[in-house]
Amino acid sequence: MSSFDPDKFLNEPIYALDFGFMVGDVEDFLEFSESNVEWQFRREMISVQRQAASDALEPGYKEHLETNAKHRFKVSLPLRVRYAALVALITSVEWAIVLVVGRLRVLLPEKPKNANATVFFDDEDRQTYLKVLAGYAQRYHLSIRA
């Protein structure tokens, strides 16, 4: 039986888990941020109601404050939160790809300049591609001319 090396275990990246954690963090960020924006909206609306009840607002100003709060908390802030979550997700995917490509043991062929390049590793890859292509062509009623 081989011995367990805790240092190697803790320092060795486990890509599926790491990526799963990153995506889970993005999801948690989105849920937390959206619920926080909703809570802040309710708080702002209560504040406007209290100011209106104490006659501290001029006529029409209450509606102005409510309209501004609705736009800020229902449109502007949720849009920014979703953009931030999208950037975080894209960054997580990019990091995962960089890690996987960095550890890739098979060298991907590069196309020589001004020459045809081999697209498939072997004939089996080529046959698989052609079967998939034919399936999609049939599904979407396309004809392929080569």
N, C-alpha and C. Protein backbone atom coordinates (compact mmCIF):
# COMPACT_ATOMS: atom_id res chain seq x y z
N MET A 1 0.84 -1.18 0.00
CA MET A 1 0.00 0.00 0.00
C MET A 1 0.88 1.24 0.00
N SER A 2 0.56 2.22 -0.86
CA SER A 2 1.38 3.43 -0.95
C SER A 2 1.08 4.35 0.23
N SER A 3 2.08 5.14 0.58
CA SER A 3 1.89 6.06 1.70
C SER A 3 1.21 7.34 1.23
N PHE A 4 0.45 7.92 2.11
CA PHE A 4 -0.29 9.14 1.81
C PHE A 4 0.59 10.34 2.07
N ASP A 5 0.73 11.21 1.09
CA ASP A 5 1.53 12.43 1.22
C ASP A 5 0.59 13.63 1.33
N PRO A 6 0.36 14.15 2.53
CA PRO A 6 -0.61 15.24 2.69
C PRO A 6 -0.19 16.53 1.97
N ASP A 7 1.12 16.82 1.91
CA ASP A 7 1.56 18.03 1.22
C ASP A 7 1.23 17.95 -0.26
N LYS A 8 1.49 16.82 -0.87
CA LYS A 8 1.18 16.66 -2.29
C LYS A 8 -0.34 16.74 -2.51
N PHE A 9 -1.10 16.11 -1.62
CA PHE A 9 -2.55 16.13 -1.74
C PHE A 9 -3.10 17.56 -1.66
N LEU A 10 -2.59 18.36 -0.73
CA LEU A 10 -3.10 19.72 -0.55
C LEU A 10 -2.62 20.68 -1.63
N ASN A 11 -1.47 20.40 -2.24
CA ASN A 11 -0.92 21.31 -3.24
C ASN A 11 -1.26 20.92 -4.67
N GLU A 12 -1.77 19.72 -4.88
CA GLU A 12 -2.12 19.27 -6.23
C GLU A 12 -3.49 19.81 -6.60
N PRO A 13 -3.58 20.57 -7.71
CA PRO A 13 -4.90 21.09 -8.09
C PRO A 13 -5.84 19.97 -8.54
N ILE A 14 -7.06 20.06 -8.13
CA ILE A 14 -8.11 19.15 -8.58
C ILE A 14 -9.06 20.02 -9.39
N TYR A 15 -8.87 19.99 -10.70
CA TYR A 15 -9.49 21.00 -11.55
C TYR A 15 -11.01 21.00 -11.48
N ALA A 16 -11.62 19.86 -11.48
CA ALA A 16 -13.09 19.82 -11.47
C ALA A 16 -13.62 20.45 -10.18
N LEU A 17 -12.99 20.13 -9.05
CA LEU A 17 -13.44 20.71 -7.78
C LEU A 17 -13.15 22.20 -7.72
N ASP A 18 -11.93 22.60 -8.16
CA ASP A 18 -11.58 24.01 -8.15
C ASP A 18 -12.55 24.82 -8.99
N PHE A 19 -12.85 24.32 -10.19
CA PHE A 19 -13.78 25.02 -11.07
C PHE A 19 -15.18 25.03 -10.46
N GLY A 20 -15.58 23.91 -9.88
CA GLY A 20 -16.88 23.84 -9.23
C GLY A 20 -17.00 24.86 -8.10
N PHE A 21 -15.93 25.01 -7.32
CA PHE A 21 -15.94 26.00 -6.24
C PHE A 21 -16.03 27.42 -6.80
N MET A 22 -15.27 27.69 -7.87
CA MET A 22 -15.31 29.04 -8.45
C MET A 22 -16.70 29.37 -8.99
N VAL A 23 -17.31 28.43 -9.69
CA VAL A 23 -18.65 28.67 -10.23
C VAL A 23 -19.66 28.79 -9.09
N GLY A 24 -19.51 27.96 -8.07
CA GLY A 24 -20.39 28.06 -6.90
C GLY A 24 -20.26 29.41 -6.22
N ASP A 25 -19.03 29.93 -6.16
CA ASP A 25 -18.83 31.26 -5.57
C ASP A 25 -19.52 32.34 -6.40
N VAL A 26 -19.48 32.21 -7.71
CA VAL A 26 -20.16 33.17 -8.57
C VAL A 26 -21.67 33.12 -8.32
N GLU A 27 -22.20 31.91 -8.22
CA GLU A 27 -23.63 31.76 -7.95
C GLU A 27 -23.99 32.36 -6.59
N ASP A 28 -23.17 32.09 -5.57
CA ASP A 28 -23.42 32.66 -4.24
C ASP A 28 -23.36 34.18 -4.27
N PHE A 29 -22.37 34.72 -5.00
CA PHE A 29 -22.24 36.17 -5.12
C PHE A 29 -23.50 36.77 -5.74
N LEU A 30 -23.99 36.14 -6.79
CA LEU A 30 -25.18 36.65 -7.48
C LEU A 30 -26.40 36.61 -6.57
N GLU A 31 -26.62 35.49 -5.89
CA GLU A 31 -27.77 35.37 -4.99
C GLU A 31 -27.69 36.37 -3.84
N PHE A 32 -26.49 36.48 -3.23
CA PHE A 32 -26.31 37.42 -2.11
C PHE A 32 -26.53 38.85 -2.57
N SER A 33 -25.93 39.21 -3.68
CA SER A 33 -26.02 40.59 -4.16
C SER A 33 -27.45 40.96 -4.52
N GLU A 34 -28.15 40.07 -5.22
CA GLU A 34 -29.53 40.39 -5.59
C GLU A 34 -30.44 40.49 -4.37
N SER A 35 -30.24 39.62 -3.39
CA SER A 35 -31.07 39.73 -2.19
C SER A 35 -30.72 41.00 -1.40
N ASN A 36 -29.45 41.39 -1.40
CA ASN A 36 -29.05 42.60 -0.71
C ASN A 36 -29.62 43.84 -1.40
N VAL A 37 -29.63 43.85 -2.74
CA VAL A 37 -30.22 44.97 -3.47
C VAL A 37 -31.71 45.07 -3.16
N GLU A 38 -32.39 43.93 -3.11
CA GLU A 38 -33.83 43.94 -2.79
C GLU A 38 -34.06 44.47 -1.37
N TRP A 39 -33.24 44.05 -0.42
CA TRP A 39 -33.37 44.53 0.97
C TRP A 39 -33.13 46.03 1.03
N GLN A 40 -32.11 46.52 0.32
CA GLN A 40 -31.81 47.94 0.31
C GLN A 40 -32.96 48.74 -0.32
N PHE A 41 -33.61 48.18 -1.34
CA PHE A 41 -34.76 48.84 -1.97
C PHE A 41 -35.90 49.00 -0.96
N ARG A 42 -36.21 47.91 -0.26
CA ARG A 42 -37.28 48.00 0.74
C ARG A 42 -36.94 49.05 1.80
N ARG A 43 -35.69 49.08 2.25
CA ARG A 43 -35.25 50.04 3.25
C ARG A 43 -35.40 51.48 2.73
N GLU A 44 -35.02 51.70 1.47
CA GLU A 44 -35.14 53.03 0.87
C GLU A 44 -36.60 53.46 0.77
N MET A 45 -37.47 52.53 0.37
CA MET A 45 -38.89 52.87 0.24
C MET A 45 -39.50 53.20 1.60
N ILE A 46 -39.11 52.47 2.64
CA ILE A 46 -39.59 52.77 4.00
C ILE A 46 -39.11 54.16 4.43
N SER A 47 -37.88 54.50 4.09
CA SER A 47 -37.34 55.82 4.43
C SER A 47 -38.12 56.93 3.75
N VAL A 48 -38.46 56.74 2.48
CA VAL A 48 -39.25 57.74 1.75
C VAL A 48 -40.63 57.86 2.38
N GLN A 49 -41.25 56.73 2.74
CA GLN A 49 -42.58 56.76 3.37
C GLN A 49 -42.53 57.52 4.70
N ARG A 50 -41.48 57.30 5.47
CA ARG A 50 -41.36 58.00 6.76
C ARG A 50 -41.19 59.49 6.56
N GLN A 51 -40.37 59.87 5.57
CA GLN A 51 -40.19 61.30 5.30
C GLN A 51 -41.50 61.94 4.85
N ALA A 52 -42.25 61.22 4.02
CA ALA A 52 -43.53 61.75 3.54
C ALA A 52 -44.53 61.87 4.69
N ALA A 53 -44.52 60.90 5.60
CA ALA A 53 -45.45 60.92 6.73
C ALA A 53 -45.14 62.06 7.69
N SER A 54 -43.89 62.47 7.76
CA SER A 54 -43.53 63.55 8.68
C SER A 54 -43.64 64.92 8.01
N ASP A 55 -44.20 64.95 6.80
CA ASP A 55 -44.39 66.20 6.06
C ASP A 55 -43.07 66.93 5.80
N ALA A 56 -41.99 66.18 5.70
CA ALA A 56 -40.69 66.78 5.43
C ALA A 56 -40.43 66.95 3.94
N LEU A 57 -41.33 66.43 3.11
CA LEU A 57 -41.13 66.48 1.66
C LEU A 57 -42.11 67.44 1.01
N GLU A 58 -41.64 68.15 0.00
CA GLU A 58 -42.51 69.04 -0.76
C GLU A 58 -43.42 68.21 -1.66
N PRO A 59 -44.55 68.77 -2.09
CA PRO A 59 -45.46 68.02 -2.97
C PRO A 59 -44.75 67.57 -4.25
N GLY A 60 -44.95 66.32 -4.61
CA GLY A 60 -44.35 65.75 -5.81
C GLY A 60 -42.96 65.17 -5.60
N TYR A 61 -42.30 65.58 -4.50
CA TYR A 61 -40.94 65.10 -4.26
C TYR A 61 -40.92 63.63 -3.84
N LYS A 62 -41.97 63.21 -3.13
CA LYS A 62 -42.06 61.80 -2.72
C LYS A 62 -42.07 60.90 -3.96
N GLU A 63 -42.88 61.24 -4.97
CA GLU A 63 -42.94 60.45 -6.20
C GLU A 63 -41.60 60.44 -6.92
N HIS A 64 -40.92 61.58 -6.88
CA HIS A 64 -39.59 61.68 -7.49
C HIS A 64 -38.61 60.72 -6.81
N LEU A 65 -38.60 60.72 -5.48
CA LEU A 65 -37.71 59.84 -4.73
C LEU A 65 -38.05 58.36 -4.99
N GLU A 66 -39.35 58.05 -5.04
CA GLU A 66 -39.76 56.67 -5.31
C GLU A 66 -39.35 56.22 -6.71
N THR A 67 -39.52 57.09 -7.69
CA THR A 67 -39.13 56.77 -9.07
C THR A 67 -37.62 56.54 -9.16
N ASN A 68 -36.85 57.41 -8.52
CA ASN A 68 -35.39 57.25 -8.52
C ASN A 68 -34.98 55.95 -7.84
N ALA A 69 -35.60 55.64 -6.71
CA ALA A 69 -35.26 54.41 -5.98
C ALA A 69 -35.62 53.18 -6.81
N LYS A 70 -36.79 53.21 -7.45
CA LYS A 70 -37.19 52.07 -8.28
C LYS A 70 -36.21 51.85 -9.42
N HIS A 71 -35.80 52.93 -10.07
CA HIS A 71 -34.85 52.78 -11.17
C HIS A 71 -33.50 52.27 -10.66
N ARG A 72 -33.04 52.85 -9.57
CA ARG A 72 -31.73 52.46 -9.05
C ARG A 72 -31.71 51.01 -8.60
N PHE A 73 -32.73 50.61 -7.83
CA PHE A 73 -32.70 49.27 -7.23
C PHE A 73 -33.33 48.19 -8.09
N LYS A 74 -34.12 48.55 -9.07
CA LYS A 74 -34.77 47.54 -9.92
C LYS A 74 -34.11 47.42 -11.30
N VAL A 75 -33.33 48.45 -11.70
CA VAL A 75 -32.72 48.42 -13.03
C VAL A 75 -31.20 48.53 -12.93
N SER A 76 -30.73 49.66 -12.44
CA SER A 76 -29.30 49.98 -12.49
C SER A 76 -28.43 49.01 -11.68
N LEU A 77 -28.72 48.87 -10.39
CA LEU A 77 -27.89 48.00 -9.55
C LEU A 77 -27.98 46.51 -9.94
N PRO A 78 -29.19 45.95 -10.20
CA PRO A 78 -29.22 44.55 -10.64
C PRO A 78 -28.44 44.32 -11.94
N LEU A 79 -28.47 45.29 -12.85
CA LEU A 79 -27.71 45.16 -14.10
C LEU A 79 -26.22 45.10 -13.81
N ARG A 80 -25.74 45.96 -12.94
CA ARG A 80 -24.32 45.96 -12.58
C ARG A 80 -23.91 44.67 -11.86
N VAL A 81 -24.79 44.19 -11.00
CA VAL A 81 -24.50 42.94 -10.29
C VAL A 81 -24.39 41.79 -11.28
N ARG A 82 -25.29 41.73 -12.25
CA ARG A 82 -25.27 40.64 -13.22
C ARG A 82 -24.06 40.74 -14.14
N TYR A 83 -23.67 41.96 -14.51
CA TYR A 83 -22.44 42.12 -15.29
C TYR A 83 -21.24 41.65 -14.48
N ALA A 84 -21.19 41.99 -13.21
CA ALA A 84 -20.08 41.56 -12.36
C ALA A 84 -20.04 40.03 -12.26
N ALA A 85 -21.21 39.40 -12.12
CA ALA A 85 -21.26 37.94 -12.06
C ALA A 85 -20.82 37.33 -13.38
N LEU A 86 -21.20 37.94 -14.49
CA LEU A 86 -20.78 37.45 -15.80
C LEU A 86 -19.27 37.53 -15.96
N VAL A 87 -18.68 38.64 -15.56
CA VAL A 87 -17.23 38.79 -15.62
C VAL A 87 -16.55 37.75 -14.73
N ALA A 88 -17.08 37.52 -13.54
CA ALA A 88 -16.51 36.52 -12.65
C ALA A 88 -16.61 35.12 -13.25
N LEU A 89 -17.72 34.79 -13.88
CA LEU A 89 -17.89 33.49 -14.51
C LEU A 89 -16.91 33.31 -15.67
N ILE A 90 -16.81 34.32 -16.51
CA ILE A 90 -15.89 34.24 -17.65
C ILE A 90 -14.45 34.10 -17.15
N THR A 91 -14.10 34.84 -16.12
CA THR A 91 -12.76 34.74 -15.56
C THR A 91 -12.50 33.35 -15.00
N SER A 92 -13.48 32.77 -14.33
CA SER A 92 -13.33 31.41 -13.79
C SER A 92 -13.10 30.40 -14.91
N VAL A 93 -13.86 30.53 -15.99
CA VAL A 93 -13.68 29.61 -17.12
C VAL A 93 -12.30 29.81 -17.73
N GLU A 94 -11.88 31.05 -17.89
CA GLU A 94 -10.56 31.32 -18.48
C GLU A 94 -9.45 30.74 -17.60
N TRP A 95 -9.55 30.93 -16.29
CA TRP A 95 -8.54 30.37 -15.41
C TRP A 95 -8.48 28.85 -15.51
N ALA A 96 -9.64 28.22 -15.57
CA ALA A 96 -9.68 26.76 -15.68
C ALA A 96 -9.04 26.31 -16.99
N ILE A 97 -9.33 27.01 -18.07
CA ILE A 97 -8.75 26.64 -19.36
C ILE A 97 -7.24 26.82 -19.34
N VAL A 98 -6.76 27.91 -18.77
CA VAL A 98 -5.32 28.15 -18.70
C VAL A 98 -4.64 27.05 -17.89
N LEU A 99 -5.25 26.65 -16.78
CA LEU A 99 -4.67 25.58 -15.97
C LEU A 99 -4.64 24.26 -16.72
N VAL A 100 -5.73 23.93 -17.40
CA VAL A 100 -5.80 22.65 -18.12
C VAL A 100 -4.82 22.64 -19.28
N VAL A 101 -4.78 23.72 -20.04
CA VAL A 101 -3.87 23.78 -21.19
C VAL A 101 -2.42 23.74 -20.71
N GLY A 102 -2.15 24.38 -19.60
CA GLY A 102 -0.79 24.35 -19.06
C GLY A 102 -0.35 22.96 -18.64
N ARG A 103 -1.28 22.12 -18.26
CA ARG A 103 -0.95 20.76 -17.82
C ARG A 103 -1.20 19.72 -18.91
N LEU A 104 -1.60 20.16 -20.09
CA LEU A 104 -1.91 19.26 -21.18
C LEU A 104 -0.66 18.50 -21.60
N ARG A 105 -0.76 17.21 -21.68
CA ARG A 105 0.40 16.38 -22.00
C ARG A 105 0.52 16.14 -23.51
N VAL A 106 -0.55 16.36 -24.26
CA VAL A 106 -0.53 16.15 -25.70
C VAL A 106 -0.29 17.49 -26.36
N LEU A 107 0.70 17.57 -27.21
CA LEU A 107 0.95 18.81 -27.93
C LEU A 107 -0.05 18.94 -29.06
N LEU A 108 -0.71 20.06 -29.10
CA LEU A 108 -1.67 20.30 -30.16
C LEU A 108 -0.91 20.71 -31.41
N PRO A 109 -1.31 20.19 -32.58
CA PRO A 109 -0.58 20.54 -33.79
C PRO A 109 -0.79 22.00 -34.16
N GLU A 110 0.26 22.64 -34.63
CA GLU A 110 0.15 24.00 -35.10
C GLU A 110 0.19 23.98 -36.62
N LYS A 111 -0.57 24.87 -37.21
CA LYS A 111 -0.64 24.91 -38.67
C LYS A 111 0.63 25.56 -39.22
N PRO A 112 1.33 24.86 -40.10
CA PRO A 112 2.51 25.48 -40.72
C PRO A 112 2.07 26.65 -41.60
N LYS A 113 2.90 27.65 -41.70
CA LYS A 113 2.56 28.81 -42.52
C LYS A 113 2.52 28.41 -43.99
N ASN A 114 1.51 28.91 -44.68
CA ASN A 114 1.35 28.69 -46.12
C ASN A 114 1.29 27.21 -46.49
N ALA A 115 0.73 26.40 -45.63
CA ALA A 115 0.60 24.97 -45.93
C ALA A 115 -0.68 24.45 -45.29
N ASN A 116 -1.19 23.36 -45.83
CA ASN A 116 -2.35 22.72 -45.22
C ASN A 116 -1.92 22.07 -43.92
N ALA A 117 -2.82 22.07 -42.96
CA ALA A 117 -2.49 21.48 -41.66
C ALA A 117 -3.37 20.26 -41.42
N THR A 118 -2.86 19.33 -40.64
CA THR A 118 -3.64 18.19 -40.24
C THR A 118 -4.63 18.64 -39.18
N VAL A 119 -5.90 18.37 -39.43
CA VAL A 119 -6.93 18.82 -38.51
C VAL A 119 -7.23 17.76 -37.46
N PHE A 120 -7.13 16.49 -37.83
CA PHE A 120 -7.49 15.40 -36.94
C PHE A 120 -6.23 14.65 -36.50
N PHE A 121 -6.26 14.12 -35.29
CA PHE A 121 -5.14 13.35 -34.80
C PHE A 121 -5.00 12.03 -35.54
N ASP A 122 -6.13 11.41 -35.85
CA ASP A 122 -6.09 10.13 -36.58
C ASP A 122 -7.39 10.00 -37.39
N ASP A 123 -7.49 8.90 -38.16
CA ASP A 123 -8.65 8.71 -39.03
C ASP A 123 -9.93 8.50 -38.22
N GLU A 124 -9.82 7.93 -37.03
CA GLU A 124 -11.01 7.73 -36.19
C GLU A 124 -11.64 9.08 -35.80
N ASP A 125 -10.78 10.06 -35.47
CA ASP A 125 -11.29 11.41 -35.16
C ASP A 125 -12.01 11.99 -36.37
N ARG A 126 -11.44 11.81 -37.53
CA ARG A 126 -12.04 12.32 -38.77
C ARG A 126 -13.40 11.67 -39.03
N GLN A 127 -13.48 10.35 -38.86
CA GLN A 127 -14.74 9.64 -39.08
C GLN A 127 -15.81 10.08 -38.08
N THR A 128 -15.42 10.27 -36.83
CA THR A 128 -16.36 10.74 -35.80
C THR A 128 -16.90 12.12 -36.16
N TYR A 129 -16.00 12.99 -36.59
CA TYR A 129 -16.42 14.33 -36.99
C TYR A 129 -17.41 14.28 -38.15
N LEU A 130 -17.11 13.46 -39.14
CA LEU A 130 -17.99 13.37 -40.30
C LEU A 130 -19.36 12.82 -39.93
N LYS A 131 -19.41 11.86 -39.00
CA LYS A 131 -20.71 11.33 -38.55
C LYS A 131 -21.52 12.40 -37.82
N VAL A 132 -20.87 13.15 -36.96
CA VAL A 132 -21.57 14.21 -36.23
C VAL A 132 -22.05 15.28 -37.20
N LEU A 133 -21.18 15.66 -38.14
CA LEU A 133 -21.55 16.65 -39.14
C LEU A 133 -22.74 16.18 -39.97
N ALA A 134 -22.72 14.93 -40.40
CA ALA A 134 -23.83 14.39 -41.19
C ALA A 134 -25.12 14.37 -40.38
N GLY A 135 -25.04 14.05 -39.10
CA GLY A 135 -26.22 14.05 -38.24
C GLY A 135 -26.85 15.42 -38.13
N TYR A 136 -26.02 16.45 -37.91
CA TYR A 136 -26.55 17.80 -37.82
C TYR A 136 -27.07 18.29 -39.17
N ALA A 137 -26.39 17.93 -40.25
CA ALA A 137 -26.86 18.32 -41.58
C ALA A 137 -28.25 17.74 -41.85
N GLN A 138 -28.44 16.48 -41.48
CA GLN A 138 -29.75 15.84 -41.67
C GLN A 138 -30.80 16.48 -40.76
N ARG A 139 -30.43 16.75 -39.54
CA ARG A 139 -31.37 17.32 -38.57
C ARG A 139 -31.87 18.68 -39.02
N TYR A 140 -30.98 19.50 -39.61
CA TYR A 140 -31.36 20.85 -40.01
C TYR A 140 -31.56 20.99 -41.52
N HIS A 141 -31.69 19.84 -42.18
CA HIS A 141 -31.99 19.80 -43.62
C HIS A 141 -30.99 20.60 -44.45
N LEU A 142 -29.71 20.32 -44.22
CA LEU A 142 -28.64 20.99 -44.94
C LEU A 142 -27.97 20.01 -45.89
N SER A 143 -27.45 20.52 -46.97
CA SER A 143 -26.65 19.67 -47.87
C SER A 143 -25.21 20.15 -47.80
N ILE A 144 -24.29 19.22 -47.82
CA ILE A 144 -22.87 19.54 -47.71
C ILE A 144 -22.20 19.23 -49.04
N ARG A 145 -21.50 20.21 -49.55
CA ARG A 145 -20.75 20.02 -50.79
C ARG A 145 -19.28 20.18 -50.50
N ALA A 146 -18.52 19.20 -50.91
CA ALA A 146 -17.09 19.28 -50.66
C ALA A 146 -16.31 19.15 -51.94
